[in-house]
């Protein structure tokens, strides 16, 4: 096999070279006709055949890939666009202040973490709820002030090591958690607290323990006391006991708290069978301030003026 001295590799006949030249010439003319004249002017494609031959990529076997004019232009465009993007990104990063650089690095490397809530209270503890009457926002009072007022209201029979205090601003309540039954009974008797030199009335009640089930029954005479309900209510479902029961306001519906794994289908009051429905608590909405989490009778801002149509505070009319 003969080897060409100018271009190493297998010898190619002149006829084949002529045919390739003709074929490439036809394709070049067709590509030139397809491309607009302005593209050649902007990209500076007035280079000769020698420049095009320098751009050919030779392989180890002295073969090269023949590209059309359009393919060469597209390749050149891609290279130029990549270079421009890299230069712009470098200039922008260098022009940013140090604070912006740190923010950029933080957003690139890490996602914003959600704010973690407080840890859960001990499950075995007894929970006492303190709900203030009208005119007091518990979120505006320091936790230390509330703890001191609670200890003073119980004649300092215990200290801060015997209970945990947590404020729930959405419901405007104070949650007290303690393991001792004696401390819980004293906290259950709180009716008022002295805060910042003023006396504020509170309602104290025991919260439902975790893992209980609640149901409602209809057809109870309005005004039935809690003691009468507990004395006359009974259930036949095995493994289920009635923990407490009370009437819902002035209605004829009673809510019952059960301990067990299954909500009974029916309960009996004075021998009469009543169907027990699952209790689904509704969202509390105050009709004075239009906030959720509390009723009108315990609104912390009873004197606020709110438009009932649009919700604007202190409307002009």
C-alpha atoms as a PDB file:
ATOM      1  CA  UNK A   1       0.000   0.000   0.000  1.00  0.00           C
ATOM      2  CA  UNK A   2       1.415   3.398  -0.970  1.00  0.00           C
ATOM      3  CA  UNK A   3       1.476   6.258   1.532  1.00  0.00           C
ATOM      4  CA  UNK A   4       1.091   9.915   0.717  1.00  0.00           C
ATOM      5  CA  UNK A   5       3.932  12.012   2.129  1.00  0.00           C
ATOM      6  CA  UNK A   6       1.831  15.117   2.706  1.00  0.00           C
ATOM      7  CA  UNK A   7      -0.935  13.318   4.597  1.00  0.00           C
ATOM      8  CA  UNK A   8       0.006  10.019   6.246  1.00  0.00           C
ATOM      9  CA  UNK A   9      -2.431   7.186   5.746  1.00  0.00           C
ATOM     10  CA  UNK A  10      -3.761   4.979   2.979  1.00  0.00           C
ATOM     11  CA  UNK A  11      -3.310   6.189  -0.559  1.00  0.00           C
ATOM     12  CA  UNK A  12      -6.492   7.458  -2.191  1.00  0.00           C
ATOM     13  CA  UNK A  13      -7.014   7.568  -5.920  1.00  0.00           C
ATOM     14  CA  UNK A  14      -7.421  10.963  -7.625  1.00  0.00           C
ATOM     15  CA  UNK A  15     -10.836   9.902  -8.931  1.00  0.00           C
ATOM     16  CA  UNK A  16     -12.131   9.342  -5.410  1.00  0.00           C
ATOM     17  CA  UNK A  17     -10.712  12.660  -4.279  1.00  0.00           C
ATOM     18  CA  UNK A  18     -12.396  14.382  -7.186  1.00  0.00           C
ATOM     19  CA  UNK A  19     -15.662  12.710  -6.365  1.00  0.00           C
ATOM     20  CA  UNK A  20     -15.365  13.735  -2.725  1.00  0.00           C
ATOM     21  CA  UNK A  21     -14.544  17.247  -3.740  1.00  0.00           C
ATOM     22  CA  UNK A  22     -17.550  17.376  -6.041  1.00  0.00           C
ATOM     23  CA  UNK A  23     -19.781  15.948  -3.385  1.00  0.00           C
ATOM     24  CA  UNK A  24     -18.507  18.341  -0.757  1.00  0.00           C
ATOM     25  CA  UNK A  25     -18.828  21.181  -3.199  1.00  0.00           C
ATOM     26  CA  UNK A  26     -22.462  20.409  -3.850  1.00  0.00           C
ATOM     27  CA  UNK A  27     -23.218  20.114  -0.160  1.00  0.00           C
ATOM     28  CA  UNK A  28     -21.356  23.349   0.563  1.00  0.00           C
ATOM     29  CA  UNK A  29     -23.342  25.243  -2.060  1.00  0.00           C
ATOM     30  CA  UNK A  30     -26.599  23.850  -0.750  1.00  0.00           C
ATOM     31  CA  UNK A  31     -25.692  24.795   2.824  1.00  0.00           C
ATOM     32  CA  UNK A  32     -24.655  28.249   1.655  1.00  0.00           C
ATOM     33  CA  UNK A  33     -27.951  28.774  -0.126  1.00  0.00           C
ATOM     34  CA  UNK A  34     -29.877  27.673   2.972  1.00  0.00           C
ATOM     35  CA  UNK A  35     -28.067  30.027   5.379  1.00  0.00           C
ATOM     36  CA  UNK A  36     -28.792  33.771   5.300  1.00  0.00           C
ATOM     37  CA  UNK A  37     -26.037  36.124   4.263  1.00  0.00           C
ATOM     38  CA  UNK A  38     -26.045  37.979   7.591  1.00  0.00           C
ATOM     39  CA  UNK A  39     -24.928  34.895   9.513  1.00  0.00           C
ATOM     40  CA  UNK A  40     -21.715  34.643   7.473  1.00  0.00           C
ATOM     41  CA  UNK A  41     -20.995  38.300   8.107  1.00  0.00           C
ATOM     42  CA  UNK A  42     -21.551  38.150  11.873  1.00  0.00           C
ATOM     43  CA  UNK A  43     -19.574  34.975  12.467  1.00  0.00           C
ATOM     44  CA  UNK A  44     -16.682  36.000  10.222  1.00  0.00           C
ATOM     45  CA  UNK A  45     -16.721  32.979   7.937  1.00  0.00           C
ATOM     46  CA  UNK A  46     -14.658  34.562   5.189  1.00  0.00           C
ATOM     47  CA  UNK A  47     -11.793  32.187   5.929  1.00  0.00           C
ATOM     48  CA  UNK A  48     -10.396  30.111   3.108  1.00  0.00           C
ATOM     49  CA  UNK A  49     -10.036  26.422   2.584  1.00  0.00           C
ATOM     50  CA  UNK A  50      -6.714  26.419   4.416  1.00  0.00           C
ATOM     51  CA  UNK A  51      -8.366  27.656   7.616  1.00  0.00           C
ATOM     52  CA  UNK A  52     -11.112  25.024   7.301  1.00  0.00           C
ATOM     53  CA  UNK A  53      -8.525  22.298   6.836  1.00  0.00           C
ATOM     54  CA  UNK A  54      -6.775  23.373  10.048  1.00  0.00           C
ATOM     55  CA  UNK A  55     -10.024  22.868  11.995  1.00  0.00           C
ATOM     56  CA  UNK A  56     -10.346  19.269  10.883  1.00  0.00           C
ATOM     57  CA  UNK A  57      -9.858  16.758  13.658  1.00  0.00           C
ATOM     58  CA  UNK A  58      -7.367  14.134  12.592  1.00  0.00           C
ATOM     59  CA  UNK A  59      -7.475  10.721  14.227  1.00  0.00           C
ATOM     60  CA  UNK A  60      -4.645   8.283  14.885  1.00  0.00           C
ATOM     61  CA  UNK A  61      -5.357   6.513  11.586  1.00  0.00           C
ATOM     62  CA  UNK A  62      -5.155   9.806   9.661  1.00  0.00           C
ATOM     63  CA  UNK A  63      -8.944   9.959   9.177  1.00  0.00           C
ATOM     64  CA  UNK A  64     -10.994  13.055   9.854  1.00  0.00           C
ATOM     65  CA  UNK A  65     -14.682  13.882  10.213  1.00  0.00           C
ATOM     66  CA  UNK A  66     -15.993  16.098   7.470  1.00  0.00           C
ATOM     67  CA  UNK A  67     -18.418  18.744   8.787  1.00  0.00           C
ATOM     68  CA  UNK A  68     -20.687  20.889   6.708  1.00  0.00           C
ATOM     69  CA  UNK A  69     -20.670  24.641   7.007  1.00  0.00           C
ATOM     70  CA  UNK A  70     -23.854  24.627   9.025  1.00  0.00           C
ATOM     71  CA  UNK A  71     -22.458  22.107  11.509  1.00  0.00           C
ATOM     72  CA  UNK A  72     -19.282  24.153  11.898  1.00  0.00           C
ATOM     73  CA  UNK A  73     -21.313  27.307  12.545  1.00  0.00           C
ATOM     74  CA  UNK A  74     -23.479  25.594  15.144  1.00  0.00           C
ATOM     75  CA  UNK A  75     -20.409  24.199  16.883  1.00  0.00           C
ATOM     76  CA  UNK A  76     -18.780  27.625  16.932  1.00  0.00           C
ATOM     77  CA  UNK A  77     -21.947  29.221  18.302  1.00  0.00           C
ATOM     78  CA  UNK A  78     -22.141  26.709  21.139  1.00  0.00           C
ATOM     79  CA  UNK A  79     -18.505  27.286  22.111  1.00  0.00           C
ATOM     80  CA  UNK A  80     -18.939  31.066  22.104  1.00  0.00           C
ATOM     81  CA  UNK A  81     -22.124  30.923  24.196  1.00  0.00           C
ATOM     82  CA  UNK A  82     -20.469  28.683  26.789  1.00  0.00           C
ATOM     83  CA  UNK A  83     -17.515  31.035  27.055  1.00  0.00           C
ATOM     84  CA  UNK A  84     -19.789  34.073  27.459  1.00  0.00           C
ATOM     85  CA  UNK A  85     -21.808  32.398  30.223  1.00  0.00           C
ATOM     86  CA  UNK A  86     -18.653  31.444  32.110  1.00  0.00           C
ATOM     87  CA  UNK A  87     -17.271  34.994  31.874  1.00  0.00           C
ATOM     88  CA  UNK A  88     -20.542  36.588  33.030  1.00  0.00           C
ATOM     89  CA  UNK A  89     -20.880  34.221  35.985  1.00  0.00           C
ATOM     90  CA  UNK A  90     -17.294  34.935  37.050  1.00  0.00           C
ATOM     91  CA  UNK A  91     -17.767  38.708  36.787  1.00  0.00           C
ATOM     92  CA  UNK A  92     -21.030  38.605  38.789  1.00  0.00           C
ATOM     93  CA  UNK A  93     -19.502  36.478  41.538  1.00  0.00           C
ATOM     94  CA  UNK A  94     -16.481  38.786  41.856  1.00  0.00           C
ATOM     95  CA  UNK A  95     -18.665  41.915  41.973  1.00  0.00           C
ATOM     96  CA  UNK A  96     -20.951  40.575  44.771  1.00  0.00           C
ATOM     97  CA  UNK A  97     -20.159  41.658  48.355  1.00  0.00           C
ATOM     98  CA  UNK A  98     -19.014  39.037  50.878  1.00  0.00           C
ATOM     99  CA  UNK A  99     -22.492  38.783  52.392  1.00  0.00           C
ATOM    100  CA  UNK A 100     -24.018  38.006  49.011  1.00  0.00           C
ATOM    101  CA  UNK A 101     -21.337  35.383  48.372  1.00  0.00           C
ATOM    102  CA  UNK A 102     -22.100  33.642  51.641  1.00  0.00           C
ATOM    103  CA  UNK A 103     -25.829  33.738  50.908  1.00  0.00           C
ATOM    104  CA  UNK A 104     -25.250  32.329  47.445  1.00  0.00           C
ATOM    105  CA  UNK A 105     -23.094  29.505  48.781  1.00  0.00           C
ATOM    106  CA  UNK A 106     -25.614  28.712  51.510  1.00  0.00           C
ATOM    107  CA  UNK A 107     -28.538  28.522  49.093  1.00  0.00           C
ATOM    108  CA  UNK A 108     -26.574  26.358  46.706  1.00  0.00           C
ATOM    109  CA  UNK A 109     -25.341  23.884  49.311  1.00  0.00           C
ATOM    110  CA  UNK A 110     -28.196  23.689  51.815  1.00  0.00           C
ATOM    111  CA  UNK A 111     -31.961  23.984  51.879  1.00  0.00           C
ATOM    112  CA  UNK A 112     -33.726  26.207  54.322  1.00  0.00           C
ATOM    113  CA  UNK A 113     -34.721  24.188  57.349  1.00  0.00           C
ATOM    114  CA  UNK A 114     -38.149  24.492  58.865  1.00  0.00           C
ATOM    115  CA  UNK A 115     -38.410  25.897  62.343  1.00  0.00           C
ATOM    116  CA  UNK A 116     -38.657  23.115  64.878  1.00  0.00           C
ATOM    117  CA  UNK A 117     -41.452  23.205  67.428  1.00  0.00           C
ATOM    118  CA  UNK A 118     -41.064  22.685  71.166  1.00  0.00           C
ATOM    119  CA  UNK A 119     -40.436  19.153  72.442  1.00  0.00           C
ATOM    120  CA  UNK A 120     -43.467  17.151  73.569  1.00  0.00           C
ATOM    121  CA  UNK A 121     -44.428  17.201  77.213  1.00  0.00           C
ATOM    122  CA  UNK A 122     -44.018  13.966  79.209  1.00  0.00           C
ATOM    123  CA  UNK A 123     -46.783  11.516  78.336  1.00  0.00           C
ATOM    124  CA  UNK A 124     -47.129  10.197  81.893  1.00  0.00           C
ATOM    125  CA  UNK A 125     -47.634  13.662  83.415  1.00  0.00           C
ATOM    126  CA  UNK A 126     -50.969  15.170  84.363  1.00  0.00           C
ATOM    127  CA  UNK A 127     -51.919  18.194  82.244  1.00  0.00           C
ATOM    128  CA  UNK A 128     -53.781  21.163  83.751  1.00  0.00           C
ATOM    129  CA  UNK A 129     -55.158  23.851  81.417  1.00  0.00           C
ATOM    130  CA  UNK A 130     -55.483  27.475  82.581  1.00  0.00           C
ATOM    131  CA  UNK A 131     -57.749  29.558  80.346  1.00  0.00           C
ATOM    132  CA  UNK A 132     -58.059  33.283  81.136  1.00  0.00           C
ATOM    133  CA  UNK A 133     -61.279  35.240  80.964  1.00  0.00           C
ATOM    134  CA  UNK A 134     -61.804  38.241  78.706  1.00  0.00           C
ATOM    135  CA  UNK A 135     -59.143  40.899  78.352  1.00  0.00           C
ATOM    136  CA  UNK A 136     -55.843  39.006  78.820  1.00  0.00           C
ATOM    137  CA  UNK A 137     -53.347  37.882  76.162  1.00  0.00           C
ATOM    138  CA  UNK A 138     -51.136  35.238  77.771  1.00  0.00           C
ATOM    139  CA  UNK A 139     -48.604  35.534  74.934  1.00  0.00           C
ATOM    140  CA  UNK A 140     -47.817  39.092  76.074  1.00  0.00           C
ATOM    141  CA  UNK A 141     -46.812  37.862  79.543  1.00  0.00           C
ATOM    142  CA  UNK A 142     -43.436  36.372  80.339  1.00  0.00           C
ATOM    143  CA  UNK A 143     -43.321  32.721  81.294  1.00  0.00           C
ATOM    144  CA  UNK A 144     -41.471  33.570  84.526  1.00  0.00           C
ATOM    145  CA  UNK A 145     -44.265  35.933  85.536  1.00  0.00           C
ATOM    146  CA  UNK A 146     -46.878  33.236  84.955  1.00  0.00           C
ATOM    147  CA  UNK A 147     -44.882  30.662  86.939  1.00  0.00           C
ATOM    148  CA  UNK A 148     -44.457  33.050  89.863  1.00  0.00           C
ATOM    149  CA  UNK A 149     -48.181  33.854  89.832  1.00  0.00           C
ATOM    150  CA  UNK A 150     -49.073  30.136  89.822  1.00  0.00           C
ATOM    151  CA  UNK A 151     -46.765  29.395  92.759  1.00  0.00           C
ATOM    152  CA  UNK A 152     -48.135  32.367  94.729  1.00  0.00           C
ATOM    153  CA  UNK A 153     -51.735  31.291  94.037  1.00  0.00           C
ATOM    154  CA  UNK A 154     -50.965  27.884  95.625  1.00  0.00           C
ATOM    155  CA  UNK A 155     -49.463  29.495  98.784  1.00  0.00           C
ATOM    156  CA  UNK A 156     -45.952  28.430  97.715  1.00  0.00           C
ATOM    157  CA  UNK A 157     -46.620  24.794  98.610  1.00  0.00           C
ATOM    158  CA  UNK A 158     -44.273  23.757  95.774  1.00  0.00           C
ATOM    159  CA  UNK A 159     -41.639  25.359  93.567  1.00  0.00           C
ATOM    160  CA  UNK A 160     -40.780  25.541  89.871  1.00  0.00           C
ATOM    161  CA  UNK A 161     -39.089  22.132  89.907  1.00  0.00           C
ATOM    162  CA  UNK A 162     -42.429  20.372  90.399  1.00  0.00           C
ATOM    163  CA  UNK A 163     -44.143  21.395  87.149  1.00  0.00           C
ATOM    164  CA  UNK A 164     -43.586  22.544  83.567  1.00  0.00           C
ATOM    165  CA  UNK A 165     -45.337  25.591  82.109  1.00  0.00           C
ATOM    166  CA  UNK A 166     -45.961  26.201  78.422  1.00  0.00           C
ATOM    167  CA  UNK A 167     -47.946  28.980  76.718  1.00  0.00           C
ATOM    168  CA  UNK A 168     -50.116  28.118  73.726  1.00  0.00           C
ATOM    169  CA  UNK A 169     -50.627  31.495  71.995  1.00  0.00           C
ATOM    170  CA  UNK A 170     -53.033  30.241  69.331  1.00  0.00           C
ATOM    171  CA  UNK A 171     -55.634  29.074  71.866  1.00  0.00           C
ATOM    172  CA  UNK A 172     -54.666  31.690  74.501  1.00  0.00           C
ATOM    173  CA  UNK A 173     -54.153  29.055  77.193  1.00  0.00           C
ATOM    174  CA  UNK A 174     -51.452  28.005  79.660  1.00  0.00           C
ATOM    175  CA  UNK A 175     -50.525  24.311  79.888  1.00  0.00           C
ATOM    176  CA  UNK A 176     -49.127  22.963  83.164  1.00  0.00           C
ATOM    177  CA  UNK A 177     -47.558  19.497  83.239  1.00  0.00           C
ATOM    178  CA  UNK A 178     -46.644  17.718  86.464  1.00  0.00           C
ATOM    179  CA  UNK A 179     -46.158  14.085  87.625  1.00  0.00           C
ATOM    180  CA  UNK A 180     -47.481  14.603  91.154  1.00  0.00           C
ATOM    181  CA  UNK A 181     -51.181  14.146  91.883  1.00  0.00           C
ATOM    182  CA  UNK A 182     -50.915  16.453  94.906  1.00  0.00           C
ATOM    183  CA  UNK A 183     -49.539  19.314  92.824  1.00  0.00           C
ATOM    184  CA  UNK A 184     -52.196  18.700  90.173  1.00  0.00           C
ATOM    185  CA  UNK A 185     -54.998  18.933  92.741  1.00  0.00           C
ATOM    186  CA  UNK A 186     -53.661  22.266  93.991  1.00  0.00           C
ATOM    187  CA  UNK A 187     -53.357  23.651  90.469  1.00  0.00           C
ATOM    188  CA  UNK A 188     -56.869  22.428  89.695  1.00  0.00           C
ATOM    189  CA  UNK A 189     -58.198  24.781  92.389  1.00  0.00           C
ATOM    190  CA  UNK A 190     -56.765  27.956  90.813  1.00  0.00           C
ATOM    191  CA  UNK A 191     -59.491  30.506  90.032  1.00  0.00           C
ATOM    192  CA  UNK A 192     -57.448  33.697  89.681  1.00  0.00           C
ATOM    193  CA  UNK A 193     -53.860  34.876  89.275  1.00  0.00           C
ATOM    194  CA  UNK A 194     -52.194  38.135  90.251  1.00  0.00           C
ATOM    195  CA  UNK A 195     -50.115  39.335  87.292  1.00  0.00           C
ATOM    196  CA  UNK A 196     -48.344  42.710  87.274  1.00  0.00           C
ATOM    197  CA  UNK A 197     -50.398  43.957  90.209  1.00  0.00           C
ATOM    198  CA  UNK A 198     -53.772  43.051  88.685  1.00  0.00           C
ATOM    199  CA  UNK A 199     -56.111  40.158  89.443  1.00  0.00           C
ATOM    200  CA  UNK A 200     -57.142  38.079  86.406  1.00  0.00           C
ATOM    201  CA  UNK A 201     -59.761  35.318  86.514  1.00  0.00           C
ATOM    202  CA  UNK A 202     -58.858  31.888  85.120  1.00  0.00           C
ATOM    203  CA  UNK A 203     -60.642  28.609  84.473  1.00  0.00           C
ATOM    204  CA  UNK A 204     -58.604  25.520  85.430  1.00  0.00           C
ATOM    205  CA  UNK A 205     -59.467  22.033  84.226  1.00  0.00           C
ATOM    206  CA  UNK A 206     -57.727  18.715  83.624  1.00  0.00           C
ATOM    207  CA  UNK A 207     -56.795  17.970  80.015  1.00  0.00           C
ATOM    208  CA  UNK A 208     -57.654  14.656  78.453  1.00  0.00           C
ATOM    209  CA  UNK A 209     -54.779  12.157  78.645  1.00  0.00           C
ATOM    210  CA  UNK A 210     -53.210  10.848  75.473  1.00  0.00           C
ATOM    211  CA  UNK A 211     -54.696   7.775  73.853  1.00  0.00           C
ATOM    212  CA  UNK A 212     -58.311   8.431  74.859  1.00  0.00           C
ATOM    213  CA  UNK A 213     -61.369   8.373  72.605  1.00  0.00           C
ATOM    214  CA  UNK A 214     -64.222  10.834  72.650  1.00  0.00           C
ATOM    215  CA  UNK A 215     -67.782  10.419  71.473  1.00  0.00           C
ATOM    216  CA  UNK A 216     -71.041  12.365  71.618  1.00  0.00           C
ATOM    217  CA  UNK A 217     -74.590  11.311  72.378  1.00  0.00           C
ATOM    218  CA  UNK A 218     -77.813  13.211  71.655  1.00  0.00           C
ATOM    219  CA  UNK A 219     -81.125  13.374  73.465  1.00  0.00           C
ATOM    220  CA  UNK A 220     -79.924  14.274  76.966  1.00  0.00           C
ATOM    221  CA  UNK A 221     -82.043  16.808  78.896  1.00  0.00           C
ATOM    222  CA  UNK A 222     -80.389  20.229  78.849  1.00  0.00           C
ATOM    223  CA  UNK A 223     -78.802  21.274  82.119  1.00  0.00           C
ATOM    224  CA  UNK A 224     -77.851  17.753  83.235  1.00  0.00           C
ATOM    225  CA  UNK A 225     -74.956  17.978  85.676  1.00  0.00           C
ATOM    226  CA  UNK A 226     -71.660  16.178  85.244  1.00  0.00           C
ATOM    227  CA  UNK A 227     -72.163  14.123  88.398  1.00  0.00           C
ATOM    228  CA  UNK A 228     -75.558  12.910  87.179  1.00  0.00           C
ATOM    229  CA  UNK A 229     -74.080  11.859  83.843  1.00  0.00           C
ATOM    230  CA  UNK A 230     -71.253   9.910  85.438  1.00  0.00           C
ATOM    231  CA  UNK A 231     -73.660   8.215  87.849  1.00  0.00           C
ATOM    232  CA  UNK A 232     -76.124   7.011  85.183  1.00  0.00           C
ATOM    233  CA  UNK A 233     -73.866   6.314  82.180  1.00  0.00           C
ATOM    234  CA  UNK A 234     -72.571   2.807  81.488  1.00  0.00           C
ATOM    235  CA  UNK A 235     -71.072   0.915  78.564  1.00  0.00           C
ATOM    236  CA  UNK A 236     -71.131  -2.783  77.651  1.00  0.00           C
ATOM    237  CA  UNK A 237     -68.076  -2.885  75.350  1.00  0.00           C
ATOM    238  CA  UNK A 238     -65.282  -4.938  76.883  1.00  0.00           C
ATOM    239  CA  UNK A 239     -62.043  -3.110  77.622  1.00  0.00           C
ATOM    240  CA  UNK A 240     -63.695   0.336  77.409  1.00  0.00           C
ATOM    241  CA  UNK A 241     -64.360   2.569  80.420  1.00  0.00           C
ATOM    242  CA  UNK A 242     -65.964   5.985  80.781  1.00  0.00           C
ATOM    243  CA  UNK A 243     -63.396   8.495  82.027  1.00  0.00           C
ATOM    244  CA  UNK A 244     -65.546  11.646  82.181  1.00  0.00           C
ATOM    245  CA  UNK A 245     -68.668  13.162  80.642  1.00  0.00           C
ATOM    246  CA  UNK A 246     -70.142  16.650  80.385  1.00  0.00           C
ATOM    247  CA  UNK A 247     -72.814  18.561  78.499  1.00  0.00           C
ATOM    248  CA  UNK A 248     -71.945  20.754  75.512  1.00  0.00           C
ATOM    249  CA  UNK A 249     -73.165  24.173  76.589  1.00  0.00           C
ATOM    250  CA  UNK A 250     -76.932  24.510  76.795  1.00  0.00           C
ATOM    251  CA  UNK A 251     -77.612  21.883  74.118  1.00  0.00           C
ATOM    252  CA  UNK A 252     -79.026  18.372  74.498  1.00  0.00           C
ATOM    253  CA  UNK A 253     -75.703  16.795  73.513  1.00  0.00           C
ATOM    254  CA  UNK A 254     -73.140  15.303  75.876  1.00  0.00           C
ATOM    255  CA  UNK A 255     -69.490  14.533  75.175  1.00  0.00           C
ATOM    256  CA  UNK A 256     -67.992  11.393  76.737  1.00  0.00           C
ATOM    257  CA  UNK A 257     -64.311  10.508  77.144  1.00  0.00           C
ATOM    258  CA  UNK A 258     -63.472   6.797  76.927  1.00  0.00           C
ATOM    259  CA  UNK A 259     -60.318   4.868  77.771  1.00  0.00           C
ATOM    260  CA  UNK A 260     -59.685   1.901  75.515  1.00  0.00           C
ATOM    261  CA  UNK A 261     -58.888   0.941  71.957  1.00  0.00           C
ATOM    262  CA  UNK A 262     -62.406   0.959  70.456  1.00  0.00           C
ATOM    263  CA  UNK A 263     -65.101   3.617  70.470  1.00  0.00           C
ATOM    264  CA  UNK A 264     -68.353   1.942  71.616  1.00  0.00           C
ATOM    265  CA  UNK A 265     -71.266   1.987  69.188  1.00  0.00           C
ATOM    266  CA  UNK A 266     -73.788   2.715  71.932  1.00  0.00           C
ATOM    267  CA  UNK A 267     -73.957   3.728  75.589  1.00  0.00           C
ATOM    268  CA  UNK A 268     -76.703   3.458  78.189  1.00  0.00           C
ATOM    269  CA  UNK A 269     -78.029   6.220  80.429  1.00  0.00           C
ATOM    270  CA  UNK A 270     -80.546   5.111  83.045  1.00  0.00           C
ATOM    271  CA  UNK A 271     -81.072   1.969  80.960  1.00  0.00           C
ATOM    272  CA  UNK A 272     -81.920   3.848  77.739  1.00  0.00           C
ATOM    273  CA  UNK A 273     -79.707   2.978  74.770  1.00  0.00           C
ATOM    274  CA  UNK A 274     -78.181   5.891  72.835  1.00  0.00           C
ATOM    275  CA  UNK A 275     -75.973   5.737  69.746  1.00  0.00           C
ATOM    276  CA  UNK A 276     -72.463   7.079  70.300  1.00  0.00           C
ATOM    277  CA  UNK A 277     -70.976   9.089  67.423  1.00  0.00           C
ATOM    278  CA  UNK A 278     -67.282  10.007  67.025  1.00  0.00           C
ATOM    279  CA  UNK A 279     -66.516  13.469  68.306  1.00  0.00           C
ATOM    280  CA  UNK A 280     -65.037  15.808  65.689  1.00  0.00           C
ATOM    281  CA  UNK A 281     -63.905  19.098  67.245  1.00  0.00           C
ATOM    282  CA  UNK A 282     -64.737  22.172  65.218  1.00  0.00           C
ATOM    283  CA  UNK A 283     -62.532  25.210  64.706  1.00  0.00           C
ATOM    284  CA  UNK A 284     -63.172  27.867  67.335  1.00  0.00           C
ATOM    285  CA  UNK A 285     -63.809  31.323  65.865  1.00  0.00           C
ATOM    286  CA  UNK A 286     -64.296  34.435  67.973  1.00  0.00           C
ATOM    287  CA  UNK A 287     -67.095  36.747  66.784  1.00  0.00           C
ATOM    288  CA  UNK A 288     -65.441  39.802  68.346  1.00  0.00           C
ATOM    289  CA  UNK A 289     -61.864  39.738  66.991  1.00  0.00           C
ATOM    290  CA  UNK A 290     -62.520  37.176  64.217  1.00  0.00           C
ATOM    291  CA  UNK A 291     -59.504  35.111  65.341  1.00  0.00           C
ATOM    292  CA  UNK A 292     -59.444  31.344  65.615  1.00  0.00           C
ATOM    293  CA  UNK A 293     -58.569  29.326  68.710  1.00  0.00           C
ATOM    294  CA  UNK A 294     -61.020  30.740  71.276  1.00  0.00           C
ATOM    295  CA  UNK A 295     -64.693  31.593  71.751  1.00  0.00           C
ATOM    296  CA  UNK A 296     -66.327  34.951  72.295  1.00  0.00           C
ATOM    297  CA  UNK A 297     -66.691  34.553  76.066  1.00  0.00           C
ATOM    298  CA  UNK A 298     -62.907  34.347  76.565  1.00  0.00           C
ATOM    299  CA  UNK A 299     -61.768  36.849  73.908  1.00  0.00           C
ATOM    300  CA  UNK A 300     -58.518  38.552  75.011  1.00  0.00           C
ATOM    301  CA  UNK A 301     -59.450  41.753  73.117  1.00  0.00           C
ATOM    302  CA  UNK A 302     -63.147  42.335  73.864  1.00  0.00           C
ATOM    303  CA  UNK A 303     -62.982  46.065  73.059  1.00  0.00           C
ATOM    304  CA  UNK A 304     -61.467  45.753  69.582  1.00  0.00           C
ATOM    305  CA  UNK A 305     -63.499  47.107  66.663  1.00  0.00           C
ATOM    306  CA  UNK A 306     -63.429  44.729  63.689  1.00  0.00           C
ATOM    307  CA  UNK A 307     -65.494  44.859  60.509  1.00  0.00           C
ATOM    308  CA  UNK A 308     -67.515  41.645  60.220  1.00  0.00           C
ATOM    309  CA  UNK A 309     -67.525  41.813  56.393  1.00  0.00           C
ATOM    310  CA  UNK A 310     -63.905  42.500  55.416  1.00  0.00           C
ATOM    311  CA  UNK A 311     -62.086  41.848  58.719  1.00  0.00           C
ATOM    312  CA  UNK A 312     -60.477  45.308  58.846  1.00  0.00           C
ATOM    313  CA  UNK A 313     -59.527  46.508  62.329  1.00  0.00           C
ATOM    314  CA  UNK A 314     -60.643  49.924  63.482  1.00  0.00           C
ATOM    315  CA  UNK A 315     -62.595  50.707  60.280  1.00  0.00           C
ATOM    316  CA  UNK A 316     -63.391  54.307  59.452  1.00  0.00           C
ATOM    317  CA  UNK A 317     -67.116  53.601  59.201  1.00  0.00           C
END
